[in-house]
PDB file of N, CA and C in Angstrom:
ATOM      1  N   MET A   1      -9.150 -12.428  15.698  1.00  0.00           N
ATOM      2  CA  MET A   1      -9.602 -11.440  14.835  1.00  0.00           C
ATOM      3  C   MET A   1      -8.544 -10.495  14.700  1.00  0.00           C
ATOM      4  N   LYS A   2      -8.210  -9.839  13.396  1.00  0.00           N
ATOM      5  CA  LYS A   2      -7.256  -8.659  13.201  1.00  0.00           C
ATOM      6  C   LYS A   2      -7.761  -7.531  13.436  1.00  0.00           C
ATOM      7  N   ASN A   3      -6.813  -6.799  14.134  1.00  0.00           N
ATOM      8  CA  ASN A   3      -7.189  -5.316  14.748  1.00  0.00           C
ATOM      9  C   ASN A   3      -7.253  -4.418  13.425  1.00  0.00           C
ATOM     10  N   PRO A   4      -8.251  -3.571  13.137  1.00  0.00           N
ATOM     11  CA  PRO A   4      -8.154  -2.740  12.089  1.00  0.00           C
ATOM     12  C   PRO A   4      -7.008  -1.774  12.116  1.00  0.00           C
ATOM     13  N   ILE A   5      -6.520  -1.257  13.198  1.00  0.00           N
ATOM     14  CA  ILE A   5      -5.296  -0.265  13.052  1.00  0.00           C
ATOM     15  C   ILE A   5      -4.092  -1.213  12.659  1.00  0.00           C
ATOM     16  N   ASP A   6      -3.853  -2.504  12.880  1.00  0.00           N
ATOM     17  CA  ASP A   6      -2.884  -3.245  12.486  1.00  0.00           C
ATOM     18  C   ASP A   6      -2.987  -3.571  10.885  1.00  0.00           C
ATOM     19  N   LEU A   7      -4.255  -3.754  10.369  1.00  0.00           N
ATOM     20  CA  LEU A   7      -4.655  -3.898   9.044  1.00  0.00           C
ATOM     21  C   LEU A   7      -4.141  -2.573   8.455  1.00  0.00           C
ATOM     22  N   HIS A   8      -4.514  -1.528   8.806  1.00  0.00           N
ATOM     23  CA  HIS A   8      -4.259  -0.122   8.017  1.00  0.00           C
ATOM     24  C   HIS A   8      -2.668  -0.092   8.041  1.00  0.00           C
ATOM     25  N   VAL A   9      -1.945  -0.226   9.179  1.00  0.00           N
ATOM     26  CA  VAL A   9      -0.440   0.003   9.287  1.00  0.00           C
ATOM     27  C   VAL A   9       0.055  -1.034   8.229  1.00  0.00           C
ATOM     28  N   GLY A  10      -0.366  -2.309   8.202  1.00  0.00           N
ATOM     29  CA  GLY A  10       0.020  -3.356   7.145  1.00  0.00           C
ATOM     30  C   GLY A  10      -0.136  -2.903   5.734  1.00  0.00           C
ATOM     31  N   GLN A  11      -1.356  -2.242   5.464  1.00  0.00           N
ATOM     32  CA  GLN A  11      -1.649  -1.874   4.219  1.00  0.00           C
ATOM     33  C   GLN A  11      -0.793  -0.636   3.631  1.00  0.00           C
ATOM     34  N   ARG A  12      -0.426   0.287   4.616  1.00  0.00           N
ATOM     35  CA  ARG A  12       0.342   1.367   4.436  1.00  0.00           C
ATOM     36  C   ARG A  12       1.856   0.733   4.127  1.00  0.00           C
ATOM     37  N   LEU A  13       2.215  -0.197   4.918  1.00  0.00           N
ATOM     38  CA  LEU A  13       3.511  -0.726   4.843  1.00  0.00           C
ATOM     39  C   LEU A  13       3.584  -1.201   3.287  1.00  0.00           C
ATOM     40  N   ARG A  14       2.597  -2.302   3.030  1.00  0.00           N
ATOM     41  CA  ARG A  14       2.653  -2.835   1.562  1.00  0.00           C
ATOM     42  C   ARG A  14       2.725  -1.682   0.580  1.00  0.00           C
ATOM     43  N   HIS A  15       1.993  -0.659   0.572  1.00  0.00           N
ATOM     44  CA  HIS A  15       1.852   0.337  -0.287  1.00  0.00           C
ATOM     45  C   HIS A  15       3.067   1.033  -0.585  1.00  0.00           C
ATOM     46  N   ARG A  16       3.827   1.345   0.528  1.00  0.00           N
ATOM     47  CA  ARG A  16       5.163   1.915   0.523  1.00  0.00           C
ATOM     48  C   ARG A  16       6.140   1.151  -0.189  1.00  0.00           C
ATOM     49  N   ARG A  17       6.063  -0.288   0.249  1.00  0.00           N
ATOM     50  CA  ARG A  17       7.163  -1.239  -0.340  1.00  0.00           C
ATOM     51  C   ARG A  17       6.953  -1.278  -1.830  1.00  0.00           C
ATOM     52  N   TRP A  18       5.714  -1.264  -2.225  1.00  0.00           N
ATOM     53  CA  TRP A  18       5.347  -1.504  -3.572  1.00  0.00           C
ATOM     54  C   TRP A  18       5.741  -0.204  -4.365  1.00  0.00           C
ATOM     55  N   MET A  19       5.541   0.986  -3.620  1.00  0.00           N
ATOM     56  CA  MET A  19       5.948   2.062  -4.482  1.00  0.00           C
ATOM     57  C   MET A  19       7.379   2.269  -4.723  1.00  0.00           C
ATOM     58  N   LEU A  20       8.046   1.711  -3.779  1.00  0.00           N
ATOM     59  CA  LEU A  20       9.538   1.629  -4.015  1.00  0.00           C
ATOM     60  C   LEU A  20      10.109   0.623  -4.658  1.00  0.00           C
ATOM     61  N   GLY A  21       9.332  -0.299  -5.036  1.00  0.00           N
ATOM     62  CA  GLY A  21       9.509  -1.598  -5.846  1.00  0.00           C
ATOM     63  C   GLY A  21      10.425  -2.441  -5.321  1.00  0.00           C
ATOM     64  N   LEU A  22      10.272  -2.609  -3.776  1.00  0.00           N
ATOM     65  CA  LEU A  22      10.984  -3.525  -3.010  1.00  0.00           C
ATOM     66  C   LEU A  22      10.171  -4.965  -2.888  1.00  0.00           C
ATOM     67  N   THR A  23      10.872  -5.990  -2.806  1.00  0.00           N
ATOM     68  CA  THR A  23      10.135  -7.269  -2.304  1.00  0.00           C
ATOM     69  C   THR A  23      10.238  -7.372  -0.929  1.00  0.00           C
ATOM     70  N   GLN A  24       9.495  -8.221  -0.422  1.00  0.00           N
ATOM     71  CA  GLN A  24       9.340  -8.371   1.018  1.00  0.00           C
ATOM     72  C   GLN A  24      10.685  -8.882   1.481  1.00  0.00           C
ATOM     73  N   GLN A  25      11.486  -9.716   0.528  1.00  0.00           N
ATOM     74  CA  GLN A  25      12.761 -10.136   1.074  1.00  0.00           C
ATOM     75  C   GLN A  25      13.591  -8.844   1.417  1.00  0.00           C
ATOM     76  N   GLU A  26      13.715  -8.228   0.199  1.00  0.00           N
ATOM     77  CA  GLU A  26      14.686  -6.915   0.275  1.00  0.00           C
ATOM     78  C   GLU A  26      14.323  -6.065   1.558  1.00  0.00           C
ATOM     79  N   LEU A  27      12.914  -5.937   1.896  1.00  0.00           N
ATOM     80  CA  LEU A  27      12.724  -5.033   3.037  1.00  0.00           C
ATOM     81  C   LEU A  27      13.020  -5.678   4.217  1.00  0.00           C
ATOM     82  N   ALA A  28      12.853  -6.946   4.264  1.00  0.00           N
ATOM     83  CA  ALA A  28      13.235  -7.678   5.569  1.00  0.00           C
ATOM     84  C   ALA A  28      14.683  -7.721   5.837  1.00  0.00           C
ATOM     85  N   GLN A  29      15.548  -7.807   4.794  1.00  0.00           N
ATOM     86  CA  GLN A  29      17.043  -7.865   4.975  1.00  0.00           C
ATOM     87  C   GLN A  29      17.460  -6.538   5.459  1.00  0.00           C
ATOM     88  N   SER A  30      16.961  -5.481   4.999  1.00  0.00           N
ATOM     89  CA  SER A  30      17.388  -4.091   5.364  1.00  0.00           C
ATOM     90  C   SER A  30      17.019  -3.998   6.805  1.00  0.00           C
ATOM     91  N   VAL A  31      16.011  -4.453   7.294  1.00  0.00           N
ATOM     92  CA  VAL A  31      15.579  -4.557   8.742  1.00  0.00           C
ATOM     93  C   VAL A  31      15.955  -5.310   9.685  1.00  0.00           C
ATOM     94  N   GLY A  32      16.514  -6.555   9.025  1.00  0.00           N
ATOM     95  CA  GLY A  32      17.298  -7.668   9.898  1.00  0.00           C
ATOM     96  C   GLY A  32      16.048  -8.536  10.409  1.00  0.00           C
ATOM     97  N   ILE A  33      15.305  -8.901   9.528  1.00  0.00           N
ATOM     98  CA  ILE A  33      14.324  -9.878  10.218  1.00  0.00           C
ATOM     99  C   ILE A  33      14.139 -10.757   8.702  1.00  0.00           C
ATOM    100  N   LYS A  34      13.237 -11.819   9.129  1.00  0.00           N
ATOM    101  CA  LYS A  34      12.658 -12.743   7.875  1.00  0.00           C
ATOM    102  C   LYS A  34      11.429 -12.309   7.156  1.00  0.00           C
ATOM    103  N   PHE A  35      11.537 -12.530   5.880  1.00  0.00           N
ATOM    104  CA  PHE A  35      10.485 -11.938   5.083  1.00  0.00           C
ATOM    105  C   PHE A  35       9.106 -12.436   5.562  1.00  0.00           C
ATOM    106  N   GLN A  36       8.961 -13.597   6.106  1.00  0.00           N
ATOM    107  CA  GLN A  36       7.741 -14.062   6.533  1.00  0.00           C
ATOM    108  C   GLN A  36       7.197 -13.056   7.684  1.00  0.00           C
ATOM    109  N   GLN A  37       7.975 -12.365   8.495  1.00  0.00           N
ATOM    110  CA  GLN A  37       7.575 -11.433   9.376  1.00  0.00           C
ATOM    111  C   GLN A  37       6.934 -10.259   8.546  1.00  0.00           C
ATOM    112  N   ILE A  38       7.683  -9.783   7.641  1.00  0.00           N
ATOM    113  CA  ILE A  38       7.014  -8.605   6.694  1.00  0.00           C
ATOM    114  C   ILE A  38       5.676  -9.028   6.137  1.00  0.00           C
ATOM    115  N   GLN A  39       5.339 -10.339   5.730  1.00  0.00           N
ATOM    116  CA  GLN A  39       4.262 -10.844   5.254  1.00  0.00           C
ATOM    117  C   GLN A  39       3.235 -10.755   6.435  1.00  0.00           C
ATOM    118  N   LYS A  40       3.430 -11.101   7.646  1.00  0.00           N
ATOM    119  CA  LYS A  40       2.516 -11.078   8.753  1.00  0.00           C
ATOM    120  C   LYS A  40       2.286  -9.611   9.130  1.00  0.00           C
ATOM    121  N   TYR A  41       3.238  -8.818   9.065  1.00  0.00           N
ATOM    122  CA  TYR A  41       3.017  -7.349   9.352  1.00  0.00           C
ATOM    123  C   TYR A  41       2.054  -6.788   8.292  1.00  0.00           C
ATOM    124  N   GLU A  42       2.116  -7.014   7.046  1.00  0.00           N
ATOM    125  CA  GLU A  42       1.373  -6.630   5.848  1.00  0.00           C
ATOM    126  C   GLU A  42       0.074  -7.093   6.020  1.00  0.00           C
ATOM    127  N   SER A  43      -0.180  -8.311   6.561  1.00  0.00           N
ATOM    128  CA  SER A  43      -1.486  -8.855   6.508  1.00  0.00           C
ATOM    129  C   SER A  43      -2.307  -8.418   7.827  1.00  0.00           C
ATOM    130  N   GLY A  44      -1.596  -7.913   8.722  1.00  0.00           N
ATOM    131  CA  GLY A  44      -2.168  -7.436  10.087  1.00  0.00           C
ATOM    132  C   GLY A  44      -2.117  -8.851  10.998  1.00  0.00           C
ATOM    133  N   ILE A  45      -1.448  -9.865  10.507  1.00  0.00           N
ATOM    134  CA  ILE A  45      -1.543 -10.787  11.633  1.00  0.00           C
ATOM    135  C   ILE A  45      -0.636 -10.725  12.890  1.00  0.00           C
ATOM    136  N   ASN A  46       0.430  -9.995  12.532  1.00  0.00           N
ATOM    137  CA  ASN A  46       1.201  -9.659  13.774  1.00  0.00           C
ATOM    138  C   ASN A  46       1.505  -8.139  13.690  1.00  0.00           C
ATOM    139  N   ARG A  47       1.428  -7.594  15.005  1.00  0.00           N
ATOM    140  CA  ARG A  47       1.543  -6.250  15.275  1.00  0.00           C
ATOM    141  C   ARG A  47       3.164  -5.760  15.491  1.00  0.00           C
ATOM    142  N   MET A  48       3.375  -4.556  14.899  1.00  0.00           N
ATOM    143  CA  MET A  48       4.741  -4.213  14.940  1.00  0.00           C
ATOM    144  C   MET A  48       4.871  -3.384  16.046  1.00  0.00           C
ATOM    145  N   SER A  49       5.996  -3.629  16.842  1.00  0.00           N
ATOM    146  CA  SER A  49       6.493  -2.953  18.016  1.00  0.00           C
ATOM    147  C   SER A  49       6.818  -1.669  17.717  1.00  0.00           C
ATOM    148  N   ALA A  50       7.060  -0.684  18.580  1.00  0.00           N
ATOM    149  CA  ALA A  50       7.446   0.652  18.321  1.00  0.00           C
ATOM    150  C   ALA A  50       8.829   0.759  17.722  1.00  0.00           C
ATOM    151  N   SER A  51       9.666  -0.138  18.167  1.00  0.00           N
ATOM    152  CA  SER A  51      11.102  -0.139  17.711  1.00  0.00           C
ATOM    153  C   SER A  51      11.121  -0.771  16.168  1.00  0.00           C
ATOM    154  N   ARG A  52      10.303  -1.705  16.074  1.00  0.00           N
ATOM    155  CA  ARG A  52      10.387  -2.309  14.614  1.00  0.00           C
ATOM    156  C   ARG A  52       9.641  -1.259  13.675  1.00  0.00           C
ATOM    157  N   LEU A  53       8.598  -0.617  14.137  1.00  0.00           N
ATOM    158  CA  LEU A  53       7.745   0.293  13.244  1.00  0.00           C
ATOM    159  C   LEU A  53       8.918   1.381  12.842  1.00  0.00           C
ATOM    160  N   TRP A  54       9.773   1.804  13.790  1.00  0.00           N
ATOM    161  CA  TRP A  54      10.746   2.759  13.635  1.00  0.00           C
ATOM    162  C   TRP A  54      11.758   2.328  12.342  1.00  0.00           C
ATOM    163  N   ASP A  55      12.315   1.121  12.686  1.00  0.00           N
ATOM    164  CA  ASP A  55      13.267   0.603  11.854  1.00  0.00           C
ATOM    165  C   ASP A  55      12.488   0.451  10.426  1.00  0.00           C
ATOM    166  N   VAL A  56      11.483   0.003  10.197  1.00  0.00           N
ATOM    167  CA  VAL A  56      10.799  -0.237   8.863  1.00  0.00           C
ATOM    168  C   VAL A  56      10.537   1.266   8.359  1.00  0.00           C
ATOM    169  N   ALA A  57      10.144   2.169   9.095  1.00  0.00           N
ATOM    170  CA  ALA A  57       9.875   3.561   8.657  1.00  0.00           C
ATOM    171  C   ALA A  57      11.299   4.150   8.002  1.00  0.00           C
ATOM    172  N   ASN A  58      12.384   3.816   8.824  1.00  0.00           N
ATOM    173  CA  ASN A  58      13.533   4.160   8.228  1.00  0.00           C
ATOM    174  C   ASN A  58      13.879   3.673   6.921  1.00  0.00           C
ATOM    175  N   ALA A  59      13.921   2.365   6.892  1.00  0.00           N
ATOM    176  CA  ALA A  59      13.928   1.604   5.682  1.00  0.00           C
ATOM    177  C   ALA A  59      13.382   1.927   4.564  1.00  0.00           C
ATOM    178  N   LEU A  60      12.013   2.491   4.871  1.00  0.00           N
ATOM    179  CA  LEU A  60      11.126   2.924   3.540  1.00  0.00           C
ATOM    180  C   LEU A  60      11.290   4.442   3.434  1.00  0.00           C
ATOM    181  N   GLY A  61      11.920   4.987   4.183  1.00  0.00           N
ATOM    182  CA  GLY A  61      12.075   6.470   3.902  1.00  0.00           C
ATOM    183  C   GLY A  61      11.166   7.395   4.382  1.00  0.00           C
ATOM    184  N   VAL A  62      10.280   6.951   5.307  1.00  0.00           N
ATOM    185  CA  VAL A  62       9.063   7.782   5.678  1.00  0.00           C
ATOM    186  C   VAL A  62       9.216   7.941   7.138  1.00  0.00           C
ATOM    187  N   SER A  63       8.192   8.783   7.790  1.00  0.00           N
ATOM    188  CA  SER A  63       8.080   8.907   9.133  1.00  0.00           C
ATOM    189  C   SER A  63       7.241   7.939   9.757  1.00  0.00           C
ATOM    190  N   VAL A  64       7.457   7.603  11.102  1.00  0.00           N
ATOM    191  CA  VAL A  64       6.478   6.610  11.597  1.00  0.00           C
ATOM    192  C   VAL A  64       5.052   7.000  11.418  1.00  0.00           C
ATOM    193  N   ALA A  65       4.725   8.435  11.398  1.00  0.00           N
ATOM    194  CA  ALA A  65       3.403   8.961  11.302  1.00  0.00           C
ATOM    195  C   ALA A  65       2.737   8.426   9.907  1.00  0.00           C
ATOM    196  N   TYR A  66       3.636   8.198   8.911  1.00  0.00           N
ATOM    197  CA  TYR A  66       2.941   7.642   7.736  1.00  0.00           C
ATOM    198  C   TYR A  66       2.120   6.516   7.807  1.00  0.00           C
ATOM    199  N   PHE A  67       2.379   5.669   8.557  1.00  0.00           N
ATOM    200  CA  PHE A  67       1.648   4.475   8.849  1.00  0.00           C
ATOM    201  C   PHE A  67       0.270   4.631   9.259  1.00  0.00           C
ATOM    202  N   PHE A  68       0.003   5.974   9.834  1.00  0.00           N
ATOM    203  CA  PHE A  68      -1.159   6.023  10.493  1.00  0.00           C
ATOM    204  C   PHE A  68      -2.071   7.120   9.638  1.00  0.00           C
ATOM    205  N   GLU A  69      -1.412   7.653   8.621  1.00  0.00           N
ATOM    206  CA  GLU A  69      -2.268   8.584   7.818  1.00  0.00           C
ATOM    207  C   GLU A  69      -3.368   7.818   7.203  1.00  0.00           C
ATOM    208  N   GLY A  70      -4.433   8.743   7.446  1.00  0.00           N
ATOM    209  CA  GLY A  70      -5.763   8.262   6.704  1.00  0.00           C
ATOM    210  C   GLY A  70      -6.516   7.269   7.715  1.00  0.00           C
ATOM    211  N   LEU A  71      -6.005   7.251   8.633  1.00  0.00           N
ATOM    212  CA  LEU A  71      -6.755   6.319   9.828  1.00  0.00           C
ATOM    213  C   LEU A  71      -7.700   7.078  10.517  1.00  0.00           C
ATOM    214  N   ALA A  72      -9.037   6.581  10.172  1.00  0.00           N
ATOM    215  CA  ALA A  72     -10.118   7.338  10.838  1.00  0.00           C
ATOM    216  C   ALA A  72     -10.183   6.994  12.178  1.00  0.00           C
ATOM    217  N   PRO A  73     -10.607   7.993  13.181  1.00  0.00           N
ATOM    218  CA  PRO A  73     -10.559   7.568  14.615  1.00  0.00           C
ATOM    219  C   PRO A  73     -11.589   6.474  14.868  1.00  0.00           C
ATOM    220  N   THR A  74     -12.444   6.100  14.065  1.00  0.00           N
ATOM    221  CA  THR A  74     -13.494   5.148  14.296  1.00  0.00           C
ATOM    222  C   THR A  74     -12.984   3.741  13.787  1.00  0.00           C
ATOM    223  N   ALA A  75     -11.563   3.790  13.396  1.00  0.00           N
ATOM    224  CA  ALA A  75     -11.073   2.442  12.958  1.00  0.00           C
ATOM    225  C   ALA A  75     -10.699   1.780  14.137  1.00  0.00           C
ATOM    226  N   ALA A  76     -10.716   2.264  15.394  1.00  0.00           N
ATOM    227  CA  ALA A  76     -10.360   1.555  16.539  1.00  0.00           C
ATOM    228  C   ALA A  76     -11.460   0.708  17.311  1.00  0.00           C
ATOM    229  N   ASN A  77     -12.631   1.095  16.511  1.00  0.00           N
ATOM    230  CA  ASN A  77     -13.789   0.446  16.914  1.00  0.00           C
ATOM    231  C   ASN A  77     -13.770  -1.168  16.927  1.00  0.00           C
ATOM    232  N   SER A  78     -14.329  -1.645  17.842  1.00  0.00           N
ATOM    233  CA  SER A  78     -14.282  -3.226  17.931  1.00  0.00           C
ATOM    234  C   SER A  78     -15.298  -4.001  16.830  1.00  0.00           C
ATOM    235  N   ASN A  79     -15.595  -3.158  15.857  1.00  0.00           N
ATOM    236  CA  ASN A  79     -16.731  -3.855  14.870  1.00  0.00           C
ATOM    237  C   ASN A  79     -15.964  -4.843  13.757  1.00  0.00           C
ATOM    238  N   GLY A  80     -14.555  -4.776  13.946  1.00  0.00           N
ATOM    239  CA  GLY A  80     -13.836  -5.806  13.216  1.00  0.00           C
ATOM    240  C   GLY A  80     -13.626  -5.282  11.666  1.00  0.00           C
ATOM    241  N   GLN A  81     -14.191  -3.933  11.399  1.00  0.00           N
ATOM    242  CA  GLN A  81     -14.003  -3.188  10.141  1.00  0.00           C
ATOM    243  C   GLN A  81     -13.121  -2.281  10.095  1.00  0.00           C
ATOM    244  N   GLY A  82     -12.137  -2.316   9.218  1.00  0.00           N
ATOM    245  CA  GLY A  82     -11.011  -1.220   9.237  1.00  0.00           C
ATOM    246  C   GLY A  82     -11.387  -0.036   8.276  1.00  0.00           C
ATOM    247  N   PRO A  83     -10.593   0.791   7.987  1.00  0.00           N
ATOM    248  CA  PRO A  83     -10.905   1.686   6.802  1.00  0.00           C
ATOM    249  C   PRO A  83     -11.176   1.168   5.641  1.00  0.00           C
ATOM    250  N   LYS A  84     -11.908   1.734   4.708  1.00  0.00           N
ATOM    251  CA  LYS A  84     -12.322   1.343   3.377  1.00  0.00           C
ATOM    252  C   LYS A  84     -10.818   1.295   2.584  1.00  0.00           C
ATOM    253  N   PRO A  85     -10.682   0.296   1.787  1.00  0.00           N
ATOM    254  CA  PRO A  85      -9.447   0.163   1.052  1.00  0.00           C
ATOM    255  C   PRO A  85      -9.340   1.436   0.155  1.00  0.00           C
ATOM    256  N   ASP A  86      -8.075   2.015  -0.242  1.00  0.00           N
ATOM    257  CA  ASP A  86      -8.004   2.844  -1.231  1.00  0.00           C
ATOM    258  C   ASP A  86      -7.386   2.376  -2.594  1.00  0.00           C
ATOM    259  N   VAL A  87      -8.021   2.772  -3.606  1.00  0.00           N
ATOM    260  CA  VAL A  87      -7.821   2.110  -4.878  1.00  0.00           C
ATOM    261  C   VAL A  87      -6.288   2.564  -5.215  1.00  0.00           C
ATOM    262  N   LEU A  88      -5.677   3.447  -4.579  1.00  0.00           N
ATOM    263  CA  LEU A  88      -4.267   3.611  -4.945  1.00  0.00           C
ATOM    264  C   LEU A  88      -3.222   2.637  -4.035  1.00  0.00           C
ATOM    265  N   GLU A  89      -3.978   1.915  -3.179  1.00  0.00           N
ATOM    266  CA  GLU A  89      -3.110   0.890  -2.601  1.00  0.00           C
ATOM    267  C   GLU A  89      -3.251  -0.403  -3.039  1.00  0.00           C
ATOM    268  N   ASP A  90      -3.887  -0.596  -4.256  1.00  0.00           N
ATOM    269  CA  ASP A  90      -4.159  -1.769  -4.910  1.00  0.00           C
ATOM    270  C   ASP A  90      -2.861  -1.919  -5.764  1.00  0.00           C
ATOM    271  N   LYS A  91      -2.082  -3.404  -5.606  1.00  0.00           N
ATOM    272  CA  LYS A  91      -1.049  -3.566  -6.573  1.00  0.00           C
ATOM    273  C   LYS A  91      -1.308  -3.364  -7.983  1.00  0.00           C
ATOM    274  N   GLU A  92      -2.375  -3.753  -8.503  1.00  0.00           N
ATOM    275  CA  GLU A  92      -2.680  -3.688  -9.971  1.00  0.00           C
ATOM    276  C   GLU A  92      -2.599  -2.174 -10.210  1.00  0.00           C
ATOM    277  N   THR A  93      -3.026  -1.206  -9.355  1.00  0.00           N
ATOM    278  CA  THR A  93      -3.190   0.293  -9.771  1.00  0.00           C
ATOM    279  C   THR A  93      -1.642   0.616  -9.800  1.00  0.00           C
ATOM    280  N   LEU A  94      -0.883   0.326  -8.734  1.00  0.00           N
ATOM    281  CA  LEU A  94       0.567   0.669  -8.702  1.00  0.00           C
ATOM    282  C   LEU A  94       1.375   0.139  -9.915  1.00  0.00           C
ATOM    283  N   ASP A  95       1.067  -1.080 -10.462  1.00  0.00           N
ATOM    284  CA  ASP A  95       1.739  -1.868 -11.527  1.00  0.00           C
ATOM    285  C   ASP A  95       1.402  -0.897 -12.935  1.00  0.00           C
ATOM    286  N   LEU A  96       0.087  -0.650 -12.785  1.00  0.00           N
ATOM    287  CA  LEU A  96      -0.510   0.247 -14.071  1.00  0.00           C
ATOM    288  C   LEU A  96       0.266   1.551 -14.168  1.00  0.00           C
ATOM    289  N   VAL A  97       0.142   2.278 -13.080  1.00  0.00           N
ATOM    290  CA  VAL A  97       0.965   3.692 -12.997  1.00  0.00           C
ATOM    291  C   VAL A  97       2.375   3.299 -13.283  1.00  0.00           C
ATOM    292  N   ARG A  98       2.933   2.464 -12.906  1.00  0.00           N
ATOM    293  CA  ARG A  98       4.597   2.367 -12.984  1.00  0.00           C
ATOM    294  C   ARG A  98       4.746   1.962 -14.614  1.00  0.00           C
ATOM    295  N   ALA A  99       3.946   1.068 -15.238  1.00  0.00           N
ATOM    296  CA  ALA A  99       3.926   0.923 -16.643  1.00  0.00           C
ATOM    297  C   ALA A  99       3.529   1.827 -17.425  1.00  0.00           C
ATOM    298  N   TYR A 100       2.567   2.773 -16.994  1.00  0.00           N
ATOM    299  CA  TYR A 100       2.351   4.234 -17.823  1.00  0.00           C
ATOM    300  C   TYR A 100       3.334   5.099 -17.900  1.00  0.00           C
ATOM    301  N   TYR A 101       3.998   5.265 -16.792  1.00  0.00           N
ATOM    302  CA  TYR A 101       5.146   6.072 -16.828  1.00  0.00           C
ATOM    303  C   TYR A 101       6.295   5.710 -17.422  1.00  0.00           C
ATOM    304  N   THR A 102       6.239   4.472 -17.886  1.00  0.00           N
ATOM    305  CA  THR A 102       7.583   4.144 -18.800  1.00  0.00           C
ATOM    306  C   THR A 102       7.230   4.479 -20.271  1.00  0.00           C
ATOM    307  N   LEU A 103       6.045   4.822 -20.614  1.00  0.00           N
ATOM    308  CA  LEU A 103       5.820   5.390 -22.061  1.00  0.00           C
ATOM    309  C   LEU A 103       6.129   6.636 -22.265  1.00  0.00           C
ATOM    310  N   SER A 104       6.485   6.969 -23.430  1.00  0.00           N
ATOM    311  CA  SER A 104       6.633   8.536 -23.873  1.00  0.00           C
ATOM    312  C   SER A 104       5.351   9.216 -23.732  1.00  0.00           C
ATOM    313  N   GLU A 105       5.451  10.530 -23.994  1.00  0.00           N
ATOM    314  CA  GLU A 105       4.170  11.398 -23.748  1.00  0.00           C
ATOM    315  C   GLU A 105       3.008  11.075 -24.613  1.00  0.00           C
ATOM    316  N   ALA A 106       3.256  10.791 -25.919  1.00  0.00           N
ATOM    317  CA  ALA A 106       2.383  10.559 -26.833  1.00  0.00           C
ATOM    318  C   ALA A 106       1.452   9.257 -26.569  1.00  0.00           C
ATOM    319  N   PRO A 107       2.287   8.166 -26.609  1.00  0.00           N
ATOM    320  CA  PRO A 107       1.261   6.938 -25.979  1.00  0.00           C
ATOM    321  C   PRO A 107       0.685   6.995 -24.737  1.00  0.00           C
ATOM    322  N   ARG A 108       1.171   7.774 -23.891  1.00  0.00           N
ATOM    323  CA  ARG A 108       0.626   7.965 -22.532  1.00  0.00           C
ATOM    324  C   ARG A 108      -0.842   8.743 -22.795  1.00  0.00           C
ATOM    325  N   ARG A 109      -0.670   9.866 -23.541  1.00  0.00           N
ATOM    326  CA  ARG A 109      -2.052  10.541 -23.902  1.00  0.00           C
ATOM    327  C   ARG A 109      -2.895   9.647 -24.692  1.00  0.00           C
ATOM    328  N   CYS A 110      -2.478   8.808 -25.424  1.00  0.00           N
ATOM    329  CA  CYS A 110      -3.435   7.906 -26.225  1.00  0.00           C
ATOM    330  C   CYS A 110      -4.158   6.827 -25.114  1.00  0.00           C
ATOM    331  N   LEU A 111      -3.184   6.286 -24.573  1.00  0.00           N
ATOM    332  CA  LEU A 111      -3.650   5.284 -23.541  1.00  0.00           C
ATOM    333  C   LEU A 111      -4.785   6.076 -22.420  1.00  0.00           C
ATOM    334  N   LEU A 112      -4.491   7.137 -22.009  1.00  0.00           N
ATOM    335  CA  LEU A 112      -5.505   7.822 -21.188  1.00  0.00           C
ATOM    336  C   LEU A 112      -6.794   8.124 -21.798  1.00  0.00           C
ATOM    337  N   ASP A 113      -6.677   8.648 -23.095  1.00  0.00           N
ATOM    338  CA  ASP A 113      -7.943   8.840 -24.054  1.00  0.00           C
ATOM    339  C   ASP A 113      -8.731   7.544 -24.170  1.00  0.00           C
ATOM    340  N   LEU A 114      -7.998   6.473 -24.391  1.00  0.00           N
ATOM    341  CA  LEU A 114      -8.448   5.089 -24.417  1.00  0.00           C
ATOM    342  C   LEU A 114      -9.240   4.684 -23.263  1.00  0.00           C
ATOM    343  N   ALA A 115      -8.550   4.989 -22.163  1.00  0.00           N
ATOM    344  CA  ALA A 115      -9.150   4.546 -20.668  1.00  0.00           C
ATOM    345  C   ALA A 115     -10.459   5.447 -20.517  1.00  0.00           C
ATOM    346  N   ARG A 116     -10.422   6.684 -20.796  1.00  0.00           N
ATOM    347  CA  ARG A 116     -11.615   7.553 -20.552  1.00  0.00           C
ATOM    348  C   ARG A 116     -12.693   7.060 -21.569  1.00  0.00           C
ATOM    349  N   ALA A 117     -12.421   6.839 -22.724  1.00  0.00           N
ATOM    350  CA  ALA A 117     -13.601   6.228 -23.621  1.00  0.00           C
ATOM    351  C   ALA A 117     -14.231   5.074 -23.300  1.00  0.00           C
ATOM    352  N   ILE A 118     -13.252   4.230 -22.988  1.00  0.00           N
ATOM    353  CA  ILE A 118     -14.090   2.643 -22.246  1.00  0.00           C
ATOM    354  C   ILE A 118     -14.594   3.292 -21.104  1.00  0.00           C
ATOM    355  N   GLY A 119     -14.250   3.952 -20.205  1.00  0.00           N
ATOM    356  CA  GLY A 119     -15.029   4.346 -19.135  1.00  0.00           C
ATOM    357  C   GLY A 119     -16.290   4.992 -19.220  1.00  0.00           C
ATOM    358  N   ASN A 120     -16.387   5.962 -20.272  1.00  0.00           N
ATOM    359  CA  ASN A 120     -17.552   6.617 -20.407  1.00  0.00           C
ATOM    360  C   ASN A 120     -18.440   5.791 -21.181  1.00  0.00           C
ATOM    361  N   ARG A 121     -17.926   4.699 -21.986  1.00  0.00           N
ATOM    362  CA  ARG A 121     -18.994   3.799 -22.656  1.00  0.00           C
ATOM    363  C   ARG A 121     -19.453   2.713 -21.612  1.00  0.00           C
ATOM    364  N   GLU A 122     -18.833   2.445 -20.683  1.00  0.00           N
ATOM    365  CA  GLU A 122     -19.281   1.455 -19.545  1.00  0.00           C
ATOM    366  C   GLU A 122     -20.367   2.178 -18.757  1.00  0.00           C
ATOM    367  N   ASN A 123     -20.107   3.390 -18.350  1.00  0.00           N
ATOM    368  CA  ASN A 123     -21.042   4.275 -17.557  1.00  0.00           C
ATOM    369  C   ASN A 123     -22.151   4.779 -18.292  1.00  0.00           C
ATOM    370  N   ALA A 124     -22.225   4.603 -19.614  1.00  0.00           N
ATOM    371  CA  ALA A 124     -23.380   4.930 -20.408  1.00  0.00           C
ATOM    372  C   ALA A 124     -24.310   3.612 -20.495  1.00  0.00           C
ATOM    373  N   ALA A 125     -23.792   2.595 -20.482  1.00  0.00           N
ATOM    374  CA  ALA A 125     -24.555   1.156 -20.574  1.00  0.00           C
ATOM    375  C   ALA A 125     -25.135   0.911 -19.279  1.00  0.00           C
TER     376      ALA A 125
END
């Protein structure tokens, strides 16, 4: 069974890697490991040692504490459930945000207005 803390650390790792636009292979090369190990860290299958966490944090330009941000004290409970996933950690959300900011200001405003209108219509139904 995966430890909720390892799952949280893995989610934070994946989120930061996506935000930087890095592949698992690119991150693995910068740390000196195989990309499969990054996959295992991100999925929470493998736990990172302190020295590996330090190396990964440096490669991603964050402090070690970054990986524990948002971790509720109850996440260490043995109920097998970690913290609730954050919508901002979803790959689709990150892809959407990246695409949104490639647009100039006028199309961005139109897209935002469209999304709000669709959301309001669905909430009213």
